Amino acid sequence: MANDEAISVEVAYARADEQLVISLQVAPGTSLQSAIERSGICERFPEIDMAVVKAGIFGKAAALDTPLKQGDRVEIYRPLIADPKEARKRRAAEGKQMKKGGGDLPAEE
């Protein structure tokens, strides 16, 4: 592919302990999946399973067959460790408990 035909994109993945952003030159219209595969990121992070991976472009979920445009940033998402609705309910319940206990702060000396 000639350089003037290529577009620049990035593929990003992050874990709690490590983040990686890989810049690539690809043909216009290259799919999101193809960019992930070409980046080699799956070899670096073997936990990425292309059969079930969720990905997006600039924080918006996108299908793996989405064609990329100049400057797109492909983001590979990790599975959630907690259901957001359940976590919100738990925080709300904890907040109600704190309000009931009200004056449980130790007195200053």
C-alpha atoms as a PDB file:
ATOM      1  CA  MET A   1       0.000   0.000   0.000  1.00  0.00           C
ATOM      2  CA  ALA A   2       1.437   3.355  -0.972  1.00  0.00           C
ATOM      3  CA  ASN A   3       1.866   5.797   1.883  1.00  0.00           C
ATOM      4  CA  ASP A   4      -0.456   8.429   0.341  1.00  0.00           C
ATOM      5  CA  GLU A   5      -3.263   5.836   0.283  1.00  0.00           C
ATOM      6  CA  ALA A   6      -2.882   4.907   3.957  1.00  0.00           C
ATOM      7  CA  ILE A   7      -4.754   6.343   6.888  1.00  0.00           C
ATOM      8  CA  SER A   8      -3.460   6.577  10.449  1.00  0.00           C
ATOM      9  CA  VAL A   9      -5.398   4.819  13.211  1.00  0.00           C
ATOM     10  CA  GLU A  10      -4.643   3.708  16.752  1.00  0.00           C
ATOM     11  CA  VAL A  11      -5.536   0.514  18.601  1.00  0.00           C
ATOM     12  CA  ALA A  12      -5.747   0.853  22.392  1.00  0.00           C
ATOM     13  CA  TYR A  13      -6.114  -1.644  25.231  1.00  0.00           C
ATOM     14  CA  ALA A  14      -5.734  -1.115  28.963  1.00  0.00           C
ATOM     15  CA  ARG A  15      -5.534  -3.319  32.025  1.00  0.00           C
ATOM     16  CA  ALA A  16      -5.196  -2.074  35.570  1.00  0.00           C
ATOM     17  CA  ASP A  17      -1.437  -2.631  35.413  1.00  0.00           C
ATOM     18  CA  GLU A  18      -0.625  -1.841  31.786  1.00  0.00           C
ATOM     19  CA  GLN A  19      -1.899   0.261  28.888  1.00  0.00           C
ATOM     20  CA  LEU A  20      -0.862   0.099  25.258  1.00  0.00           C
ATOM     21  CA  VAL A  21      -1.670   2.277  22.248  1.00  0.00           C
ATOM     22  CA  ILE A  22      -0.391   1.100  18.876  1.00  0.00           C
ATOM     23  CA  SER A  23      -0.330   3.400  15.849  1.00  0.00           C
ATOM     24  CA  LEU A  24      -0.989   1.804  12.469  1.00  0.00           C
ATOM     25  CA  GLN A  25      -1.113   2.790   8.833  1.00  0.00           C
ATOM     26  CA  VAL A  26      -3.981   0.962   7.116  1.00  0.00           C
ATOM     27  CA  ALA A  27      -5.946   1.181   3.888  1.00  0.00           C
ATOM     28  CA  PRO A  28      -9.053   3.390   4.005  1.00  0.00           C
ATOM     29  CA  GLY A  29     -12.069   1.271   4.935  1.00  0.00           C
ATOM     30  CA  THR A  30     -10.074  -1.306   6.895  1.00  0.00           C
ATOM     31  CA  SER A  31     -12.401  -2.925   9.424  1.00  0.00           C
ATOM     32  CA  LEU A  32     -12.108  -2.443  13.152  1.00  0.00           C
ATOM     33  CA  GLN A  33     -11.402  -6.191  13.534  1.00  0.00           C
ATOM     34  CA  SER A  34      -8.691  -6.145  10.874  1.00  0.00           C
ATOM     35  CA  ALA A  35      -6.941  -3.229  12.593  1.00  0.00           C
ATOM     36  CA  ILE A  36      -6.989  -5.090  15.922  1.00  0.00           C
ATOM     37  CA  GLU A  37      -5.537  -8.200  14.288  1.00  0.00           C
ATOM     38  CA  ARG A  38      -2.886  -6.228  12.348  1.00  0.00           C
ATOM     39  CA  SER A  39      -1.800  -4.380  15.490  1.00  0.00           C
ATOM     40  CA  GLY A  40      -0.517  -7.595  17.099  1.00  0.00           C
ATOM     41  CA  ILE A  41      -2.137  -6.552  20.372  1.00  0.00           C
ATOM     42  CA  CYS A  42      -3.758  -9.991  20.834  1.00  0.00           C
ATOM     43  CA  GLU A  43      -0.314 -11.596  21.004  1.00  0.00           C
ATOM     44  CA  ARG A  44       0.753  -9.114  23.694  1.00  0.00           C
ATOM     45  CA  PHE A  45      -2.464  -9.589  25.676  1.00  0.00           C
ATOM     46  CA  PRO A  46      -3.619 -13.209  25.196  1.00  0.00           C
ATOM     47  CA  GLU A  47      -6.748 -12.595  27.304  1.00  0.00           C
ATOM     48  CA  ILE A  48      -8.249 -10.726  24.326  1.00  0.00           C
ATOM     49  CA  ASP A  49     -10.562 -13.220  22.624  1.00  0.00           C
ATOM     50  CA  MET A  50     -11.556 -11.995  19.174  1.00  0.00           C
ATOM     51  CA  ALA A  51     -14.592 -14.316  19.246  1.00  0.00           C
ATOM     52  CA  VAL A  52     -16.177 -12.345  22.102  1.00  0.00           C
ATOM     53  CA  VAL A  53     -14.293  -9.033  22.226  1.00  0.00           C
ATOM     54  CA  LYS A  54     -16.228  -5.784  22.639  1.00  0.00           C
ATOM     55  CA  ALA A  55     -14.655  -2.810  20.924  1.00  0.00           C
ATOM     56  CA  GLY A  56     -15.428   0.719  19.870  1.00  0.00           C
ATOM     57  CA  ILE A  57     -14.143   3.905  18.336  1.00  0.00           C
ATOM     58  CA  PHE A  58     -13.478   6.862  20.646  1.00  0.00           C
ATOM     59  CA  GLY A  59     -15.583   5.398  23.473  1.00  0.00           C
ATOM     60  CA  LYS A  60     -18.599   4.452  21.371  1.00  0.00           C
ATOM     61  CA  ALA A  61     -19.312   0.741  20.870  1.00  0.00           C
ATOM     62  CA  ALA A  62     -18.903  -0.376  17.276  1.00  0.00           C
ATOM     63  CA  ALA A  63     -19.292  -3.613  15.343  1.00  0.00           C
ATOM     64  CA  LEU A  64     -16.120  -5.442  14.349  1.00  0.00           C
ATOM     65  CA  ASP A  65     -16.931  -4.891  10.664  1.00  0.00           C
ATOM     66  CA  THR A  66     -17.081  -1.094  11.043  1.00  0.00           C
ATOM     67  CA  PRO A  67     -14.818   0.582   8.464  1.00  0.00           C
ATOM     68  CA  LEU A  68     -12.208   2.908   9.939  1.00  0.00           C
ATOM     69  CA  LYS A  69     -11.515   6.503   8.966  1.00  0.00           C
ATOM     70  CA  GLN A  70      -8.433   8.685   9.277  1.00  0.00           C
ATOM     71  CA  GLY A  71      -7.517   9.301  12.915  1.00  0.00           C
ATOM     72  CA  ASP A  72      -9.886   6.735  14.458  1.00  0.00           C
ATOM     73  CA  ARG A  73      -8.891   5.308  17.830  1.00  0.00           C
ATOM     74  CA  VAL A  74     -10.004   1.681  18.201  1.00  0.00           C
ATOM     75  CA  GLU A  75     -10.555   0.757  21.844  1.00  0.00           C
ATOM     76  CA  ILE A  76     -10.766  -2.833  23.076  1.00  0.00           C
ATOM     77  CA  TYR A  77     -12.981  -3.139  26.133  1.00  0.00           C
ATOM     78  CA  ARG A  78     -12.468  -5.541  29.031  1.00  0.00           C
ATOM     79  CA  PRO A  79     -15.455  -7.393  30.487  1.00  0.00           C
ATOM     80  CA  LEU A  80     -17.136  -5.650  33.413  1.00  0.00           C
ATOM     81  CA  ILE A  81     -16.304  -7.117  36.806  1.00  0.00           C
ATOM     82  CA  ALA A  82     -19.582  -5.924  38.345  1.00  0.00           C
ATOM     83  CA  ASP A  83     -23.053  -5.366  36.937  1.00  0.00           C
ATOM     84  CA  PRO A  84     -23.473  -1.558  36.867  1.00  0.00           C
ATOM     85  CA  LYS A  85     -27.120  -1.739  37.999  1.00  0.00           C
ATOM     86  CA  GLU A  86     -26.279  -3.963  40.964  1.00  0.00           C
ATOM     87  CA  ALA A  87     -23.314  -1.780  41.938  1.00  0.00           C
ATOM     88  CA  ARG A  88     -25.550   1.325  41.849  1.00  0.00           C
ATOM     89  CA  LYS A  89     -28.178  -0.396  44.040  1.00  0.00           C
ATOM     90  CA  ARG A  90     -25.492  -1.437  46.536  1.00  0.00           C
ATOM     91  CA  ARG A  91     -24.082   2.109  46.742  1.00  0.00           C
ATOM     92  CA  ALA A  92     -27.584   3.524  47.217  1.00  0.00           C
ATOM     93  CA  ALA A  93     -28.269   1.052  50.036  1.00  0.00           C
ATOM     94  CA  GLU A  94     -24.955   1.928  51.695  1.00  0.00           C
ATOM     95  CA  GLY A  95     -25.835   5.631  51.456  1.00  0.00           C
ATOM     96  CA  LYS A  96     -29.184   5.041  53.162  1.00  0.00           C
ATOM     97  CA  GLN A  97     -27.435   3.159  55.984  1.00  0.00           C
ATOM     98  CA  MET A  98     -25.042   6.084  56.490  1.00  0.00           C
ATOM     99  CA  LYS A  99     -27.935   8.566  56.707  1.00  0.00           C
ATOM    100  CA  LYS A 100     -29.736   6.413  59.298  1.00  0.00           C
ATOM    101  CA  GLY A 101     -26.625   6.249  61.480  1.00  0.00           C
ATOM    102  CA  GLY A 102     -26.188  10.016  61.121  1.00  0.00           C
ATOM    103  CA  GLY A 103     -24.097  10.945  64.161  1.00  0.00           C
ATOM    104  CA  ASP A 104     -21.704   8.022  64.227  1.00  0.00           C
ATOM    105  CA  LEU A 105     -18.654  10.238  63.790  1.00  0.00           C
ATOM    106  CA  PRO A 106     -16.287  10.247  66.765  1.00  0.00           C
ATOM    107  CA  ALA A 107     -16.362  13.389  68.880  1.00  0.00           C
ATOM    108  CA  GLU A 108     -13.352  15.689  68.635  1.00  0.00           C
ATOM    109  CA  GLU A 109     -11.328  16.105  71.777  1.00  0.00           C
END
